[in-house]
PDB file of N, CA and C in Angstrom:
ATOM      1  N   MET A   1     -73.972  58.130 238.670  1.00  0.00           N
ATOM      2  CA  MET A   1     -72.996  58.411 237.631  1.00  0.00           C
ATOM      3  C   MET A   1     -71.862  59.260 238.216  1.00  0.00           C
ATOM      4  N   GLU A   2     -70.636  58.889 237.907  1.00  0.00           N
ATOM      5  CA  GLU A   2     -69.481  59.627 238.410  1.00  0.00           C
ATOM      6  C   GLU A   2     -69.304  60.926 237.633  1.00  0.00           C
ATOM      7  N   SER A   3     -68.824  61.935 238.308  1.00  0.00           N
ATOM      8  CA  SER A   3     -68.608  63.231 237.673  1.00  0.00           C
ATOM      9  C   SER A   3     -67.326  63.223 236.849  1.00  0.00           C
ATOM     10  N   ARG A   4     -67.259  64.154 235.929  1.00  0.00           N
ATOM     11  CA  ARG A   4     -66.015  64.319 235.156  1.00  0.00           C
ATOM     12  C   ARG A   4     -64.874  64.685 236.097  1.00  0.00           C
ATOM     13  N   HIS A   5     -65.196  65.525 237.095  1.00  0.00           N
ATOM     14  CA  HIS A   5     -64.168  65.910 238.065  1.00  0.00           C
ATOM     15  C   HIS A   5     -63.595  64.680 238.752  1.00  0.00           C
ATOM     16  N   HIS A   6     -64.461  63.792 239.221  1.00  0.00           N
ATOM     17  CA  HIS A   6     -63.992  62.599 239.938  1.00  0.00           C
ATOM     18  C   HIS A   6     -63.084  61.753 239.049  1.00  0.00           C
ATOM     19  N   ASN A   7     -63.495  61.535 237.811  1.00  0.00           N
ATOM     20  CA  ASN A   7     -62.686  60.729 236.885  1.00  0.00           C
ATOM     21  C   ASN A   7     -61.335  61.382 236.603  1.00  0.00           C
ATOM     22  N   LEU A   8     -61.353  62.674 236.363  1.00  0.00           N
ATOM     23  CA  LEU A   8     -60.103  63.382 236.069  1.00  0.00           C
ATOM     24  C   LEU A   8     -59.205  63.477 237.295  1.00  0.00           C
ATOM     25  N   LYS A   9     -59.795  63.675 238.472  1.00  0.00           N
ATOM     26  CA  LYS A   9     -59.004  63.758 239.710  1.00  0.00           C
ATOM     27  C   LYS A   9     -58.323  62.419 239.992  1.00  0.00           C
ATOM     28  N   THR A  10     -59.045  61.336 239.752  1.00  0.00           N
ATOM     29  CA  THR A  10     -58.454  60.002 239.929  1.00  0.00           C
ATOM     30  C   THR A  10     -57.262  59.822 238.993  1.00  0.00           C
ATOM     31  N   ARG A  11     -57.432  60.219 237.735  1.00  0.00           N
ATOM     32  CA  ARG A  11     -56.336  60.106 236.772  1.00  0.00           C
ATOM     33  C   ARG A  11     -55.165  60.999 237.175  1.00  0.00           C
ATOM     34  N   GLN A  12     -55.469  62.235 237.618  1.00  0.00           N
ATOM     35  CA  GLN A  12     -54.416  63.172 238.021  1.00  0.00           C
ATOM     36  C   GLN A  12     -53.612  62.599 239.181  1.00  0.00           C
ATOM     37  N   ARG A  13     -54.270  61.962 240.130  1.00  0.00           N
ATOM     38  CA  ARG A  13     -53.559  61.370 241.274  1.00  0.00           C
ATOM     39  C   ARG A  13     -52.637  60.243 240.841  1.00  0.00           C
ATOM     40  N   GLN A  14     -53.027  59.518 239.802  1.00  0.00           N
ATOM     41  CA  GLN A  14     -52.193  58.424 239.303  1.00  0.00           C
ATOM     42  C   GLN A  14     -50.976  58.923 238.534  1.00  0.00           C
ATOM     43  N   GLU A  15     -51.103  60.084 237.912  1.00  0.00           N
ATOM     44  CA  GLU A  15     -50.054  60.573 237.013  1.00  0.00           C
ATOM     45  C   GLU A  15     -49.245  61.747 237.546  1.00  0.00           C
ATOM     46  N   ARG A  16     -49.672  62.375 238.630  1.00  0.00           N
ATOM     47  CA  ARG A  16     -49.065  63.644 239.048  1.00  0.00           C
ATOM     48  C   ARG A  16     -47.587  63.558 239.399  1.00  0.00           C
ATOM     49  N   HIS A  17     -47.098  62.388 239.745  1.00  0.00           N
ATOM     50  CA  HIS A  17     -45.677  62.267 240.098  1.00  0.00           C
ATOM     51  C   HIS A  17     -44.774  62.645 238.924  1.00  0.00           C
ATOM     52  N   GLY A  18     -45.281  62.546 237.710  1.00  0.00           N
ATOM     53  CA  GLY A  18     -44.478  62.881 236.537  1.00  0.00           C
ATOM     54  C   GLY A  18     -44.698  64.290 236.022  1.00  0.00           C
ATOM     55  N   TYR A  19     -45.563  65.067 236.678  1.00  0.00           N
ATOM     56  CA  TYR A  19     -45.867  66.423 236.225  1.00  0.00           C
ATOM     57  C   TYR A  19     -44.839  67.416 236.744  1.00  0.00           C
ATOM     58  N   PRO A  20     -44.467  68.407 235.931  1.00  0.00           N
ATOM     59  CA  PRO A  20     -43.687  69.532 236.470  1.00  0.00           C
ATOM     60  C   PRO A  20     -44.542  70.274 237.497  1.00  0.00           C
ATOM     61  N   ASP A  21     -43.904  70.980 238.426  1.00  0.00           N
ATOM     62  CA  ASP A  21     -44.626  71.665 239.501  1.00  0.00           C
ATOM     63  C   ASP A  21     -45.691  72.627 238.994  1.00  0.00           C
ATOM     64  N   ASN A  22     -45.352  73.449 237.985  1.00  0.00           N
ATOM     65  CA  ASN A  22     -46.336  74.430 237.527  1.00  0.00           C
ATOM     66  C   ASN A  22     -47.532  73.762 236.849  1.00  0.00           C
ATOM     67  N   LEU A  23     -47.311  72.673 236.143  1.00  0.00           N
ATOM     68  CA  LEU A  23     -48.411  71.929 235.529  1.00  0.00           C
ATOM     69  C   LEU A  23     -49.277  71.286 236.602  1.00  0.00           C
ATOM     70  N   SER A  24     -48.658  70.731 237.608  1.00  0.00           N
ATOM     71  CA  SER A  24     -49.393  70.101 238.701  1.00  0.00           C
ATOM     72  C   SER A  24     -50.318  71.105 239.382  1.00  0.00           C
ATOM     73  N   LEU A  25     -49.821  72.302 239.622  1.00  0.00           N
ATOM     74  CA  LEU A  25     -50.630  73.338 240.250  1.00  0.00           C
ATOM     75  C   LEU A  25     -51.776  73.769 239.343  1.00  0.00           C
ATOM     76  N   ARG A  26     -51.509  73.956 238.048  1.00  0.00           N
ATOM     77  CA  ARG A  26     -52.564  74.355 237.116  1.00  0.00           C
ATOM     78  C   ARG A  26     -53.649  73.295 237.022  1.00  0.00           C
ATOM     79  N   VAL A  27     -53.265  72.027 236.963  1.00  0.00           N
ATOM     80  CA  VAL A  27     -54.247  70.944 236.885  1.00  0.00           C
ATOM     81  C   VAL A  27     -55.076  70.894 238.165  1.00  0.00           C
ATOM     82  N   HIS A  28     -54.421  71.026 239.308  1.00  0.00           N
ATOM     83  CA  HIS A  28     -55.137  71.025 240.580  1.00  0.00           C
ATOM     84  C   HIS A  28     -56.172  72.149 240.624  1.00  0.00           C
ATOM     85  N   ARG A  29     -55.770  73.347 240.237  1.00  0.00           N
ATOM     86  CA  ARG A  29     -56.694  74.491 240.252  1.00  0.00           C
ATOM     87  C   ARG A  29     -57.843  74.289 239.268  1.00  0.00           C
ATOM     88  N   ALA A  30     -57.525  73.823 238.069  1.00  0.00           N
ATOM     89  CA  ALA A  30     -58.565  73.604 237.063  1.00  0.00           C
ATOM     90  C   ALA A  30     -59.569  72.559 237.538  1.00  0.00           C
ATOM     91  N   LEU A  31     -59.082  71.489 238.143  1.00  0.00           N
ATOM     92  CA  LEU A  31     -59.989  70.448 238.635  1.00  0.00           C
ATOM     93  C   LEU A  31     -60.840  70.945 239.798  1.00  0.00           C
ATOM     94  N   SER A  32     -60.294  71.803 240.622  1.00  0.00           N
ATOM     95  CA  SER A  32     -61.074  72.379 241.717  1.00  0.00           C
ATOM     96  C   SER A  32     -62.232  73.220 241.172  1.00  0.00           C
ATOM     97  N   TRP A  33     -61.959  74.027 240.147  1.00  0.00           N
ATOM     98  CA  TRP A  33     -63.021  74.839 239.547  1.00  0.00           C
ATOM     99  C   TRP A  33     -64.019  73.973 238.787  1.00  0.00           C
ATOM    100  N   LEU A  34     -63.562  72.905 238.165  1.00  0.00           N
ATOM    101  CA  LEU A  34     -64.478  71.974 237.501  1.00  0.00           C
ATOM    102  C   LEU A  34     -65.417  71.357 238.517  1.00  0.00           C
ATOM    103  N   ASP A  35     -64.890  70.979 239.659  1.00  0.00           N
ATOM    104  CA  ASP A  35     -65.717  70.425 240.733  1.00  0.00           C
ATOM    105  C   ASP A  35     -66.779  71.434 241.153  1.00  0.00           C
ATOM    106  N   ARG A  36     -66.369  72.683 241.316  1.00  0.00           N
ATOM    107  CA  ARG A  36     -67.322  73.729 241.714  1.00  0.00           C
ATOM    108  C   ARG A  36     -68.390  73.916 240.646  1.00  0.00           C
ATOM    109  N   ALA A  37     -68.007  73.890 239.381  1.00  0.00           N
ATOM    110  CA  ALA A  37     -68.968  74.055 238.290  1.00  0.00           C
ATOM    111  C   ALA A  37     -69.979  72.915 238.261  1.00  0.00           C
ATOM    112  N   GLU A  38     -69.519  71.710 238.514  1.00  0.00           N
ATOM    113  CA  GLU A  38     -70.410  70.547 238.479  1.00  0.00           C
ATOM    114  C   GLU A  38     -71.423  70.564 239.622  1.00  0.00           C
ATOM    115  N   GLN A  39     -71.149  71.314 240.671  1.00  0.00           N
ATOM    116  CA  GLN A  39     -72.071  71.414 241.799  1.00  0.00           C
ATOM    117  C   GLN A  39     -73.119  72.506 241.586  1.00  0.00           C
ATOM    118  N   GLU A  40     -72.938  73.317 240.576  1.00  0.00           N
ATOM    119  CA  GLU A  40     -73.783  74.488 240.363  1.00  0.00           C
ATOM    120  C   GLU A  40     -75.002  74.160 239.507  1.00  0.00           C
ATOM    121  N   ALA A  41     -76.176  74.607 239.945  1.00  0.00           N
ATOM    122  CA  ALA A  41     -77.411  74.401 239.189  1.00  0.00           C
ATOM    123  C   ALA A  41     -77.667  75.544 238.209  1.00  0.00           C
ATOM    124  N   ASP A  42     -77.245  76.746 238.556  1.00  0.00           N
ATOM    125  CA  ASP A  42     -77.475  77.915 237.709  1.00  0.00           C
ATOM    126  C   ASP A  42     -76.562  77.846 236.486  1.00  0.00           C
ATOM    127  N   PRO A  43     -77.113  77.854 235.262  1.00  0.00           N
ATOM    128  CA  PRO A  43     -76.279  77.714 234.065  1.00  0.00           C
ATOM    129  C   PRO A  43     -75.269  78.844 233.876  1.00  0.00           C
ATOM    130  N   ASP A  44     -75.643  80.070 234.250  1.00  0.00           N
ATOM    131  CA  ASP A  44     -74.695  81.185 234.104  1.00  0.00           C
ATOM    132  C   ASP A  44     -73.502  81.019 235.042  1.00  0.00           C
ATOM    133  N   SER A  45     -73.782  80.650 236.286  1.00  0.00           N
ATOM    134  CA  SER A  45     -72.692  80.424 237.240  1.00  0.00           C
ATOM    135  C   SER A  45     -71.836  79.250 236.819  1.00  0.00           C
ATOM    136  N   ARG A  46     -72.480  78.200 236.339  1.00  0.00           N
ATOM    137  CA  ARG A  46     -71.738  77.020 235.868  1.00  0.00           C
ATOM    138  C   ARG A  46     -70.778  77.417 234.748  1.00  0.00           C
ATOM    139  N   PHE A  47     -71.271  78.222 233.800  1.00  0.00           N
ATOM    140  CA  PHE A  47     -70.430  78.682 232.697  1.00  0.00           C
ATOM    141  C   PHE A  47     -69.220  79.457 233.211  1.00  0.00           C
ATOM    142  N   ILE A  48     -69.461  80.356 234.151  1.00  0.00           N
ATOM    143  CA  ILE A  48     -68.373  81.164 234.705  1.00  0.00           C
ATOM    144  C   ILE A  48     -67.330  80.278 235.379  1.00  0.00           C
ATOM    145  N   PHE A  49     -67.774  79.302 236.173  1.00  0.00           N
ATOM    146  CA  PHE A  49     -66.829  78.411 236.848  1.00  0.00           C
ATOM    147  C   PHE A  49     -66.072  77.542 235.843  1.00  0.00           C
ATOM    148  N   LEU A  50     -66.736  77.119 234.784  1.00  0.00           N
ATOM    149  CA  LEU A  50     -66.039  76.356 233.739  1.00  0.00           C
ATOM    150  C   LEU A  50     -65.026  77.232 233.017  1.00  0.00           C
ATOM    151  N   TRP A  51     -65.364  78.502 232.807  1.00  0.00           N
ATOM    152  CA  TRP A  51     -64.424  79.434 232.173  1.00  0.00           C
ATOM    153  C   TRP A  51     -63.196  79.636 233.058  1.00  0.00           C
ATOM    154  N   ILE A  52     -63.422  79.765 234.349  1.00  0.00           N
ATOM    155  CA  ILE A  52     -62.301  79.904 235.280  1.00  0.00           C
ATOM    156  C   ILE A  52     -61.441  78.642 235.251  1.00  0.00           C
ATOM    157  N   ALA A  53     -62.070  77.479 235.211  1.00  0.00           N
ATOM    158  CA  ALA A  53     -61.329  76.212 235.144  1.00  0.00           C
ATOM    159  C   ALA A  53     -60.469  76.154 233.883  1.00  0.00           C
ATOM    160  N   PHE A  54     -61.052  76.558 232.765  1.00  0.00           N
ATOM    161  CA  PHE A  54     -60.316  76.592 231.501  1.00  0.00           C
ATOM    162  C   PHE A  54     -59.093  77.500 231.605  1.00  0.00           C
ATOM    163  N   ASN A  55     -59.300  78.699 232.136  1.00  0.00           N
ATOM    164  CA  ASN A  55     -58.194  79.641 232.279  1.00  0.00           C
ATOM    165  C   ASN A  55     -57.148  79.151 233.267  1.00  0.00           C
ATOM    166  N   ALA A  56     -57.573  78.473 234.319  1.00  0.00           N
ATOM    167  CA  ALA A  56     -56.621  77.917 235.282  1.00  0.00           C
ATOM    168  C   ALA A  56     -55.737  76.863 234.615  1.00  0.00           C
ATOM    169  N   ALA A  57     -56.327  76.078 233.735  1.00  0.00           N
ATOM    170  CA  ALA A  57     -55.568  75.020 233.054  1.00  0.00           C
ATOM    171  C   ALA A  57     -54.532  75.582 232.100  1.00  0.00           C
ATOM    172  N   TYR A  58     -54.842  76.685 231.460  1.00  0.00           N
ATOM    173  CA  TYR A  58     -53.963  77.237 230.435  1.00  0.00           C
ATOM    174  C   TYR A  58     -53.174  78.449 230.890  1.00  0.00           C
ATOM    175  N   ALA A  59     -53.249  78.787 232.157  1.00  0.00           N
ATOM    176  CA  ALA A  59     -52.536  79.952 232.674  1.00  0.00           C
ATOM    177  C   ALA A  59     -51.030  79.747 232.591  1.00  0.00           C
ATOM    178  N   THR A  60     -50.341  80.831 232.360  1.00  0.00           N
ATOM    179  CA  THR A  60     -48.873  80.809 232.404  1.00  0.00           C
ATOM    180  C   THR A  60     -48.421  82.013 233.204  1.00  0.00           C
ATOM    181  N   GLU A  61     -47.266  81.895 233.761  1.00  0.00           N
ATOM    182  CA  GLU A  61     -46.694  83.010 234.497  1.00  0.00           C
ATOM    183  C   GLU A  61     -46.136  84.012 233.498  1.00  0.00           C
ATOM    184  N   ILE A  62     -46.501  85.261 233.663  1.00  0.00           N
ATOM    185  CA  ILE A  62     -45.969  86.326 232.818  1.00  0.00           C
ATOM    186  C   ILE A  62     -44.848  86.995 233.596  1.00  0.00           C
ATOM    187  N   ASP A  63     -43.691  87.020 233.000  1.00  0.00           N
ATOM    188  CA  ASP A  63     -42.518  87.564 233.663  1.00  0.00           C
ATOM    189  C   ASP A  63     -42.516  89.087 233.544  1.00  0.00           C
ATOM    190  N   ASP A  64     -42.804  89.768 234.653  1.00  0.00           N
ATOM    191  CA  ASP A  64     -42.871  91.227 234.659  1.00  0.00           C
ATOM    192  C   ASP A  64     -41.508  91.878 234.421  1.00  0.00           C
ATOM    193  N   ARG A  65     -40.442  91.155 234.627  1.00  0.00           N
ATOM    194  CA  ARG A  65     -39.108  91.748 234.469  1.00  0.00           C
ATOM    195  C   ARG A  65     -38.846  92.164 233.032  1.00  0.00           C
ATOM    196  N   HIS A  66     -39.527  91.549 232.082  1.00  0.00           N
ATOM    197  CA  HIS A  66     -39.302  91.884 230.682  1.00  0.00           C
ATOM    198  C   HIS A  66     -40.124  93.080 230.237  1.00  0.00           C
ATOM    199  N   GLY A  67     -41.043  93.536 231.086  1.00  0.00           N
ATOM    200  CA  GLY A  67     -41.826  94.722 230.774  1.00  0.00           C
ATOM    201  C   GLY A  67     -42.770  94.554 229.600  1.00  0.00           C
ATOM    202  N   LEU A  68     -43.209  93.351 229.343  1.00  0.00           N
ATOM    203  CA  LEU A  68     -44.102  93.119 228.217  1.00  0.00           C
ATOM    204  C   LEU A  68     -45.542  93.382 228.628  1.00  0.00           C
ATOM    205  N   ASN A  69     -46.281  94.000 227.750  1.00  0.00           N
ATOM    206  CA  ASN A  69     -47.702  94.140 228.025  1.00  0.00           C
ATOM    207  C   ASN A  69     -48.428  92.898 227.497  1.00  0.00           C
ATOM    208  N   GLU A  70     -49.697  92.798 227.756  1.00  0.00           N
ATOM    209  CA  GLU A  70     -50.442  91.602 227.359  1.00  0.00           C
ATOM    210  C   GLU A  70     -50.431  91.400 225.844  1.00  0.00           C
ATOM    211  N   ARG A  71     -50.580  92.483 225.100  1.00  0.00           N
ATOM    212  CA  ARG A  71     -50.611  92.355 223.641  1.00  0.00           C
ATOM    213  C   ARG A  71     -49.290  91.788 223.119  1.00  0.00           C
ATOM    214  N   THR A  72     -48.183  92.254 223.640  1.00  0.00           N
ATOM    215  CA  THR A  72     -46.874  91.758 223.221  1.00  0.00           C
ATOM    216  C   THR A  72     -46.663  90.318 223.686  1.00  0.00           C
ATOM    217  N   THR A  73     -47.071  90.033 224.906  1.00  0.00           N
ATOM    218  CA  THR A  73     -46.888  88.698 225.457  1.00  0.00           C
ATOM    219  C   THR A  73     -47.635  87.640 224.663  1.00  0.00           C
ATOM    220  N   PHE A  74     -48.856  87.944 224.261  1.00  0.00           N
ATOM    221  CA  PHE A  74     -49.697  86.953 223.610  1.00  0.00           C
ATOM    222  C   PHE A  74     -49.756  87.095 222.103  1.00  0.00           C
ATOM    223  N   LYS A  75     -48.913  87.945 221.552  1.00  0.00           N
ATOM    224  CA  LYS A  75     -48.855  88.132 220.107  1.00  0.00           C
ATOM    225  C   LYS A  75     -48.338  86.849 219.461  1.00  0.00           C
ATOM    226  N   PRO A  76     -49.031  86.363 218.434  1.00  0.00           N
ATOM    227  CA  PRO A  76     -48.568  85.121 217.775  1.00  0.00           C
ATOM    228  C   PRO A  76     -47.188  85.308 217.155  1.00  0.00           C
ATOM    229  N   LEU A  77     -46.391  84.270 217.214  1.00  0.00           N
ATOM    230  CA  LEU A  77     -45.068  84.302 216.600  1.00  0.00           C
ATOM    231  C   LEU A  77     -45.212  84.121 215.099  1.00  0.00           C
ATOM    232  N   ARG A  78     -44.428  84.867 214.360  1.00  0.00           N
ATOM    233  CA  ARG A  78     -44.410  84.706 212.909  1.00  0.00           C
ATOM    234  C   ARG A  78     -43.216  83.855 212.543  1.00  0.00           C
ATOM    235  N   SER A  79     -43.361  83.077 211.496  1.00  0.00           N
ATOM    236  CA  SER A  79     -42.300  82.168 211.094  1.00  0.00           C
ATOM    237  C   SER A  79     -41.060  82.897 210.580  1.00  0.00           C
ATOM    238  N   ASN A  80     -41.205  84.137 210.096  1.00  0.00           N
ATOM    239  CA  ASN A  80     -40.054  84.858 209.559  1.00  0.00           C
ATOM    240  C   ASN A  80     -39.403  85.792 210.564  1.00  0.00           C
ATOM    241  N   ASP A  81     -39.797  85.750 211.839  1.00  0.00           N
ATOM    242  CA  ASP A  81     -39.187  86.594 212.875  1.00  0.00           C
ATOM    243  C   ASP A  81     -37.877  86.023 213.333  1.00  0.00           C
TER     244      ASP A  81
END
Protein backbone atom coordinates (compact mmCIF):
# COMPACT_ATOMS: atom_id res chain seq x y z
CA MET A 1 0.00 0.00 0.00
CA GLU A 2 1.33 3.44 -0.93
CA SER A 3 1.80 6.00 1.82
CA ARG A 4 -0.09 9.25 2.04
CA HIS A 5 3.27 10.98 1.74
CA HIS A 6 4.03 9.24 -1.55
CA ASN A 7 0.63 10.13 -3.02
CA LEU A 8 0.83 13.75 -1.90
CA LYS A 9 4.47 14.13 -3.02
CA THR A 10 3.54 12.84 -6.47
CA ARG A 11 0.70 15.37 -6.68
CA GLN A 12 2.96 18.18 -5.38
CA ARG A 13 5.53 17.43 -8.10
CA GLN A 14 2.83 17.66 -10.75
CA GLU A 15 1.45 20.97 -9.47
CA ARG A 16 4.40 22.81 -7.90
CA HIS A 17 5.16 24.90 -10.99
CA GLY A 18 2.05 26.94 -10.21
CA TYR A 19 2.77 27.43 -6.50
CA PRO A 20 4.10 30.69 -5.05
CA ASP A 21 7.58 30.23 -3.54
CA ASN A 22 6.47 30.42 0.09
CA LEU A 23 3.67 27.89 -0.48
CA SER A 24 6.06 25.55 -2.28
CA LEU A 25 8.46 25.65 0.66
CA ARG A 26 5.69 25.08 3.23
CA VAL A 27 4.31 22.11 1.28
CA HIS A 28 7.78 20.62 0.90
CA ARG A 29 8.46 20.93 4.64
CA ALA A 30 5.05 19.56 5.60
CA LEU A 31 5.47 16.56 3.30
CA SER A 32 8.93 15.87 4.71
CA TRP A 33 7.52 15.76 8.25
CA LEU A 34 4.60 13.61 7.08
CA ASP A 35 7.11 11.16 5.63
CA ARG A 36 8.98 11.09 8.94
CA ALA A 37 5.73 10.51 10.86
CA GLU A 38 4.73 7.62 8.61
CA GLN A 39 8.05 5.90 9.36
CA GLU A 40 7.55 6.12 13.12
CA ALA A 41 6.19 3.18 15.14
CA ASP A 42 5.88 5.04 18.45
CA PRO A 43 2.43 6.73 18.57
CA ASP A 44 3.64 9.68 20.66
CA SER A 45 6.50 10.42 18.27
CA ARG A 46 4.19 9.97 15.30
CA PHE A 47 1.78 12.51 16.80
CA ILE A 48 4.58 15.02 17.35
CA PHE A 49 5.85 14.65 13.77
CA LEU A 50 2.31 15.03 12.42
CA TRP A 51 1.87 18.16 14.56
CA ILE A 52 5.09 19.58 13.14
CA ALA A 53 3.87 18.75 9.62
CA PHE A 54 0.60 20.55 10.31
CA ASN A 55 2.41 23.62 11.60
CA ALA A 56 4.82 23.58 8.66
CA ALA A 57 1.86 23.62 6.26
CA TYR A 58 0.16 26.56 7.94
CA ALA A 59 3.22 28.58 8.95
CA THR A 60 3.45 32.20 7.91
CA GLU A 61 6.25 34.66 8.15
CA ILE A 62 5.73 37.15 10.95
CA ASP A 63 7.12 40.53 10.06
CA ASP A 64 9.18 41.70 13.05
CA ARG A 65 9.39 45.23 11.65
CA HIS A 66 5.83 45.90 12.78
CA GLY A 67 6.65 45.00 16.38
CA LEU A 68 3.59 42.82 16.79
CA ASN A 69 3.51 40.21 19.48
CA GLU A 70 1.93 36.81 18.90
CA ARG A 71 -1.38 37.77 20.51
CA THR A 72 -1.74 40.82 18.25
CA THR A 73 -0.57 38.94 15.17
CA PHE A 74 -3.03 36.09 15.56
CA LYS A 75 -5.94 38.08 16.97
CA PRO A 76 -9.07 37.43 14.88
CA LEU A 77 -10.23 40.32 12.74
CA ARG A 78 -13.57 41.83 13.65
CA SER A 79 -15.95 42.86 10.92
CA ASN A 80 -16.44 46.35 12.42
CA ASP A 81 -12.70 47.22 12.63
